[in-house]
Amino acid sequence: MSKEVTKILTVVAGIGGIGFAIGTLIGWLFLSDTMEPWQFGLIFALVVLFLGLLGAAPLASRLFAGRS
């Protein structure tokens, strides 16, 4: 069971890391006057992580359905 959880969390964490990189790039290109680029990157990564967890929830429920 822990291998499945690790696999799901690894994918979600990778998505969050990519979200941070893209968010930092967006912040550097477009929002450098209003906030630091890494701040927007962090906000963007948190939103992407939340959406990734929401997307992984049906997969996790199918994997663990019927297990007690």
N, C-alpha and C. Protein backbone atom coordinates (compact mmCIF):
# COMPACT_ATOMS: atom_id res chain seq x y z
N MET A 1 0.83 -1.19 0.00
CA MET A 1 0.00 0.00 0.00
C MET A 1 0.87 1.26 0.00
N SER A 2 1.98 1.25 0.69
CA SER A 2 2.80 2.46 0.76
C SER A 2 3.47 2.77 -0.58
N LYS A 3 3.69 1.76 -1.42
CA LYS A 3 4.26 2.02 -2.74
C LYS A 3 3.31 2.84 -3.60
N GLU A 4 2.01 2.53 -3.49
CA GLU A 4 1.02 3.29 -4.27
C GLU A 4 0.95 4.73 -3.80
N VAL A 5 0.97 4.93 -2.49
CA VAL A 5 0.91 6.28 -1.93
C VAL A 5 2.16 7.05 -2.34
N THR A 6 3.32 6.42 -2.25
CA THR A 6 4.57 7.07 -2.63
C THR A 6 4.55 7.44 -4.10
N LYS A 7 4.01 6.58 -4.94
CA LYS A 7 3.94 6.86 -6.37
C LYS A 7 3.06 8.07 -6.65
N ILE A 8 1.91 8.15 -6.00
CA ILE A 8 1.00 9.28 -6.19
C ILE A 8 1.63 10.57 -5.69
N LEU A 9 2.23 10.53 -4.50
CA LEU A 9 2.82 11.74 -3.92
C LEU A 9 4.04 12.21 -4.70
N THR A 10 4.78 11.28 -5.29
CA THR A 10 5.92 11.66 -6.10
C THR A 10 5.48 12.45 -7.33
N VAL A 11 4.42 11.99 -7.97
CA VAL A 11 3.91 12.70 -9.14
C VAL A 11 3.39 14.07 -8.74
N VAL A 12 2.63 14.14 -7.65
CA VAL A 12 2.08 15.43 -7.20
C VAL A 12 3.20 16.39 -6.81
N ALA A 13 4.24 15.91 -6.15
CA ALA A 13 5.36 16.77 -5.77
C ALA A 13 6.11 17.26 -7.01
N GLY A 14 6.25 16.42 -8.01
CA GLY A 14 6.88 16.85 -9.25
C GLY A 14 6.09 17.94 -9.94
N ILE A 15 4.76 17.78 -9.92
CA ILE A 15 3.90 18.81 -10.49
C ILE A 15 4.07 20.12 -9.73
N GLY A 16 4.18 20.06 -8.40
CA GLY A 16 4.38 21.26 -7.60
C GLY A 16 5.72 21.93 -7.91
N GLY A 17 6.75 21.14 -8.11
CA GLY A 17 8.06 21.70 -8.46
C GLY A 17 8.05 22.38 -9.81
N ILE A 18 7.38 21.76 -10.76
CA ILE A 18 7.24 22.39 -12.07
C ILE A 18 6.41 23.67 -11.95
N GLY A 19 5.37 23.63 -11.12
CA GLY A 19 4.56 24.82 -10.90
C GLY A 19 5.37 25.96 -10.30
N PHE A 20 6.27 25.62 -9.38
CA PHE A 20 7.13 26.66 -8.79
C PHE A 20 8.04 27.27 -9.84
N ALA A 21 8.63 26.43 -10.68
CA ALA A 21 9.53 26.94 -11.71
C ALA A 21 8.78 27.83 -12.71
N ILE A 22 7.63 27.37 -13.16
CA ILE A 22 6.85 28.16 -14.11
C ILE A 22 6.34 29.44 -13.46
N GLY A 23 5.86 29.33 -12.21
CA GLY A 23 5.37 30.51 -11.51
C GLY A 23 6.46 31.55 -11.27
N THR A 24 7.66 31.09 -10.97
CA THR A 24 8.78 32.02 -10.79
C THR A 24 9.12 32.71 -12.11
N LEU A 25 9.08 31.95 -13.19
CA LEU A 25 9.33 32.54 -14.49
C LEU A 25 8.26 33.57 -14.85
N ILE A 26 7.00 33.25 -14.60
CA ILE A 26 5.91 34.20 -14.87
C ILE A 26 6.07 35.44 -13.99
N GLY A 27 6.39 35.23 -12.72
CA GLY A 27 6.60 36.36 -11.82
C GLY A 27 7.76 37.23 -12.25
N TRP A 28 8.83 36.62 -12.74
CA TRP A 28 9.99 37.38 -13.18
C TRP A 28 9.69 38.17 -14.45
N LEU A 29 8.91 37.56 -15.35
CA LEU A 29 8.63 38.22 -16.62
C LEU A 29 7.57 39.32 -16.51
N PHE A 30 6.51 39.07 -15.71
CA PHE A 30 5.36 39.97 -15.74
C PHE A 30 5.09 40.73 -14.44
N LEU A 31 5.53 40.19 -13.31
CA LEU A 31 5.15 40.80 -12.04
C LEU A 31 6.33 41.28 -11.22
N SER A 32 7.44 41.57 -11.85
CA SER A 32 8.65 41.93 -11.09
C SER A 32 8.51 43.26 -10.36
N ASP A 33 7.58 44.12 -10.77
CA ASP A 33 7.41 45.41 -10.09
C ASP A 33 6.55 45.29 -8.84
N THR A 34 5.64 44.33 -8.80
CA THR A 34 4.69 44.25 -7.69
C THR A 34 5.15 43.32 -6.58
N MET A 35 5.85 42.25 -6.90
CA MET A 35 6.31 41.31 -5.87
C MET A 35 7.56 40.61 -6.36
N GLU A 36 8.21 39.93 -5.45
CA GLU A 36 9.39 39.15 -5.83
C GLU A 36 8.94 37.95 -6.67
N PRO A 37 9.73 37.56 -7.66
CA PRO A 37 9.31 36.44 -8.52
C PRO A 37 9.10 35.14 -7.77
N TRP A 38 9.94 34.85 -6.76
CA TRP A 38 9.79 33.60 -6.04
C TRP A 38 8.50 33.58 -5.22
N GLN A 39 7.99 34.76 -4.81
CA GLN A 39 6.73 34.79 -4.07
C GLN A 39 5.58 34.35 -4.96
N PHE A 40 5.54 34.84 -6.19
CA PHE A 40 4.51 34.38 -7.11
C PHE A 40 4.71 32.91 -7.44
N GLY A 41 5.96 32.48 -7.55
CA GLY A 41 6.24 31.07 -7.81
C GLY A 41 5.72 30.19 -6.70
N LEU A 42 5.87 30.63 -5.46
CA LEU A 42 5.37 29.85 -4.33
C LEU A 42 3.86 29.79 -4.33
N ILE A 43 3.21 30.91 -4.58
CA ILE A 43 1.74 30.92 -4.64
C ILE A 43 1.26 30.02 -5.78
N PHE A 44 1.89 30.13 -6.93
CA PHE A 44 1.51 29.32 -8.09
C PHE A 44 1.74 27.84 -7.80
N ALA A 45 2.84 27.51 -7.13
CA ALA A 45 3.11 26.11 -6.78
C ALA A 45 2.08 25.57 -5.81
N LEU A 46 1.65 26.36 -4.85
CA LEU A 46 0.62 25.89 -3.91
C LEU A 46 -0.71 25.64 -4.60
N VAL A 47 -1.06 26.51 -5.53
CA VAL A 47 -2.30 26.30 -6.29
C VAL A 47 -2.19 25.05 -7.15
N VAL A 48 -1.05 24.88 -7.80
CA VAL A 48 -0.85 23.70 -8.64
C VAL A 48 -0.84 22.43 -7.79
N LEU A 49 -0.23 22.48 -6.61
CA LEU A 49 -0.25 21.32 -5.72
C LEU A 49 -1.67 20.97 -5.29
N PHE A 50 -2.46 21.98 -4.96
CA PHE A 50 -3.85 21.74 -4.58
C PHE A 50 -4.62 21.10 -5.73
N LEU A 51 -4.45 21.62 -6.93
CA LEU A 51 -5.13 21.04 -8.08
C LEU A 51 -4.61 19.63 -8.39
N GLY A 52 -3.33 19.40 -8.18
CA GLY A 52 -2.78 18.06 -8.37
C GLY A 52 -3.34 17.06 -7.37
N LEU A 53 -3.50 17.49 -6.12
CA LEU A 53 -4.10 16.61 -5.12
C LEU A 53 -5.56 16.34 -5.43
N LEU A 54 -6.28 17.35 -5.90
CA LEU A 54 -7.67 17.13 -6.31
C LEU A 54 -7.75 16.16 -7.48
N GLY A 55 -6.82 16.27 -8.39
CA GLY A 55 -6.81 15.34 -9.52
C GLY A 55 -6.41 13.94 -9.13
N ALA A 56 -5.59 13.79 -8.10
CA ALA A 56 -5.14 12.47 -7.66
C ALA A 56 -6.14 11.79 -6.74
N ALA A 57 -7.09 12.53 -6.20
CA ALA A 57 -8.05 11.95 -5.26
C ALA A 57 -8.88 10.82 -5.87
N PRO A 58 -9.42 10.95 -7.08
CA PRO A 58 -10.16 9.82 -7.64
C PRO A 58 -9.29 8.59 -7.87
N LEU A 59 -8.04 8.81 -8.27
CA LEU A 59 -7.13 7.68 -8.46
C LEU A 59 -6.87 6.98 -7.14
N ALA A 60 -6.63 7.75 -6.11
CA ALA A 60 -6.37 7.16 -4.79
C ALA A 60 -7.59 6.44 -4.27
N SER A 61 -8.78 6.99 -4.49
CA SER A 61 -9.98 6.31 -3.99
C SER A 61 -10.21 5.00 -4.74
N ARG A 62 -9.89 4.97 -6.04
CA ARG A 62 -10.02 3.71 -6.80
C ARG A 62 -8.98 2.69 -6.34
N LEU A 63 -7.78 3.15 -6.01
CA LEU A 63 -6.74 2.22 -5.56
C LEU A 63 -7.08 1.59 -4.21
N PHE A 64 -7.69 2.36 -3.32
CA PHE A 64 -7.91 1.89 -1.96
C PHE A 64 -9.35 1.51 -1.68
N ALA A 65 -10.20 1.46 -2.71
CA ALA A 65 -11.58 1.06 -2.50
C ALA A 65 -11.63 -0.42 -2.12
N GLY A 66 -12.36 -0.68 -1.07
CA GLY A 66 -12.50 -2.06 -0.62
C GLY A 66 -11.43 -2.55 0.30
N ARG A 67 -10.42 -1.75 0.58
CA ARG A 67 -9.37 -2.15 1.52
C ARG A 67 -9.68 -1.60 2.89
N SER A 68 -9.41 -2.40 3.88
CA SER A 68 -9.65 -1.91 5.26
C SER A 68 -8.40 -1.97 6.08
